[in-house]
Amino acid sequence: MKQSPEKIRSWFDRHRQKELRIRKDEDGDLDVSRIRLEDVEFIQYHGTDDYLSPQAILLKGEGTVAVVDGEEPIPGGTYEISLDDPWFSAADDSSLHLSTDRASYLIEVMDSAEPDGR
């Protein structure tokens, strides 16, 4: 079901200062990132070409992205989720699912007792 950006923002706001695991599946390629969420921002791109989505969610904080030989810092301390129309979401207390025509995201709140959680 499609949720409003306000409901998605509210979900992220409830999980500020928590570690989130983000699993992005795009064309069968799975990327896993982690971020300690400090801030969230919804942005609108105007005059976009086919490369940029009309809107995006920016997750701000320190984090890492999994690479072949370990982890690297998230560039610029920002993780961007592009929201191509149509997009859909579903949320509960500990996870948020977002899907677009390009990719699907599973964002989970990490349990501090969970050592790695992958």
Protein backbone atom coordinates (compact mmCIF):
# COMPACT_ATOMS: atom_id res chain seq x y z
CA MET A 1 0.00 0.00 0.00
CA LYS A 2 1.26 3.48 -0.72
CA GLN A 3 1.86 5.52 2.40
CA SER A 4 2.25 9.24 2.52
CA PRO A 5 5.71 10.77 2.81
CA GLU A 6 4.61 12.07 6.23
CA LYS A 7 4.03 8.53 7.54
CA ILE A 8 7.40 7.40 6.21
CA ARG A 9 9.09 10.45 7.75
CA SER A 10 7.35 9.65 11.05
CA TRP A 11 8.74 6.09 10.93
CA PHE A 12 12.26 7.41 10.41
CA ASP A 13 11.78 10.09 13.09
CA ARG A 14 10.88 7.36 15.63
CA HIS A 15 14.15 5.61 14.83
CA ARG A 16 16.60 8.50 15.00
CA GLN A 17 19.85 7.69 16.80
CA LYS A 18 19.30 3.99 16.08
CA GLU A 19 21.27 1.79 13.74
CA LEU A 20 19.38 0.78 10.61
CA ARG A 21 20.26 -1.98 8.17
CA ILE A 22 19.25 -1.23 4.59
CA ARG A 23 18.95 -4.05 2.07
CA LYS A 24 18.52 -2.79 -1.47
CA ASP A 25 17.60 -5.27 -4.22
CA GLU A 26 17.98 -3.84 -7.70
CA ASP A 27 17.87 -6.13 -10.75
CA GLY A 28 18.91 -9.12 -8.61
CA ASP A 29 21.89 -7.25 -7.11
CA LEU A 30 21.69 -7.08 -3.30
CA ASP A 31 23.46 -4.22 -1.48
CA VAL A 32 23.60 -4.07 2.31
CA SER A 33 24.31 -0.85 4.20
CA ARG A 34 24.10 0.31 7.79
CA ILE A 35 23.54 3.80 9.12
CA ARG A 36 23.13 5.36 12.55
CA LEU A 37 20.25 7.64 11.64
CA GLU A 38 20.77 11.27 12.64
CA ASP A 39 18.38 13.01 10.28
CA VAL A 40 16.01 12.35 7.38
CA GLU A 41 15.04 14.68 4.56
CA PHE A 42 12.59 14.36 1.68
CA ILE A 43 13.74 16.24 -1.40
CA GLN A 44 12.10 17.10 -4.70
CA TYR A 45 14.18 17.26 -7.86
CA HIS A 46 12.89 19.72 -10.44
CA GLY A 47 13.64 19.48 -14.15
CA THR A 48 14.88 15.92 -13.77
CA ASP A 49 16.19 13.85 -16.60
CA ASP A 50 15.77 10.07 -16.80
CA TYR A 51 18.66 9.50 -14.39
CA LEU A 52 17.24 11.35 -11.38
CA SER A 53 14.01 10.42 -9.67
CA PRO A 54 11.49 13.21 -9.06
CA GLN A 55 11.85 12.75 -5.29
CA ALA A 56 14.13 11.02 -2.81
CA ILE A 57 14.63 10.28 0.87
CA LEU A 58 18.02 11.26 2.27
CA LEU A 59 19.11 9.36 5.36
CA LYS A 60 21.91 11.20 7.15
CA GLY A 61 24.38 9.74 9.61
CA GLU A 62 27.50 7.65 9.93
CA GLY A 63 27.33 4.33 8.20
CA THR A 64 28.90 1.68 6.04
CA VAL A 65 28.18 -0.17 2.83
CA ALA A 66 29.22 -3.79 2.34
CA VAL A 67 31.84 -4.36 -0.36
CA VAL A 68 33.58 -7.51 -1.59
CA ASP A 69 36.39 -7.30 0.97
CA GLY A 70 34.58 -5.78 3.95
CA GLU A 71 32.87 -2.44 4.48
CA GLU A 72 33.43 1.15 3.37
CA PRO A 73 31.98 4.38 4.80
CA ILE A 74 28.79 5.68 3.21
CA PRO A 75 29.90 8.53 0.91
CA GLY A 76 29.19 11.93 2.41
CA GLY A 77 27.39 10.42 5.38
CA THR A 78 24.19 10.24 3.31
CA TYR A 79 22.19 7.31 1.95
CA GLU A 80 19.73 8.22 -0.81
CA ILE A 81 16.58 6.28 -1.59
CA SER A 82 15.16 7.34 -4.95
CA LEU A 83 11.38 7.33 -5.14
CA ASP A 84 10.31 6.69 -8.71
CA ASP A 85 6.57 6.76 -9.33
CA PRO A 86 4.83 4.57 -8.58
CA TRP A 87 6.30 3.67 -5.19
CA PHE A 88 4.79 1.71 -2.34
CA SER A 89 5.61 1.15 1.30
CA ALA A 90 4.62 -0.88 4.33
CA ALA A 91 5.88 -0.48 7.87
CA ASP A 92 5.72 -1.99 11.32
CA ASP A 93 7.60 -1.10 14.50
CA SER A 94 10.91 -2.59 13.42
CA SER A 95 10.95 -2.50 9.61
CA LEU A 96 10.01 -0.45 6.59
CA HIS A 97 9.58 -1.86 3.09
CA LEU A 98 9.82 0.52 0.14
CA SER A 99 9.51 -0.52 -3.47
CA THR A 100 9.74 1.32 -6.76
CA ASP A 101 9.94 0.15 -10.37
CA ARG A 102 13.76 0.21 -10.03
CA ALA A 103 14.46 -1.30 -6.61
CA SER A 104 13.07 -2.61 -3.37
CA TYR A 105 14.36 -1.70 0.08
CA LEU A 106 14.04 -3.43 3.41
CA ILE A 107 15.06 -1.11 6.24
CA GLU A 108 15.32 -2.75 9.64
CA VAL A 109 16.06 -1.38 13.08
CA MET A 110 19.04 -3.28 14.43
CA ASP A 111 18.73 -4.90 17.84
CA SER A 112 21.72 -3.72 19.89
CA ALA A 113 22.08 -7.29 21.23
CA GLU A 114 22.50 -8.60 17.68
CA PRO A 115 26.27 -8.80 16.98
CA ASP A 116 26.22 -8.61 13.19
CA GLY A 117 22.65 -9.10 12.06
CA ARG A 118 23.39 -9.96 8.44
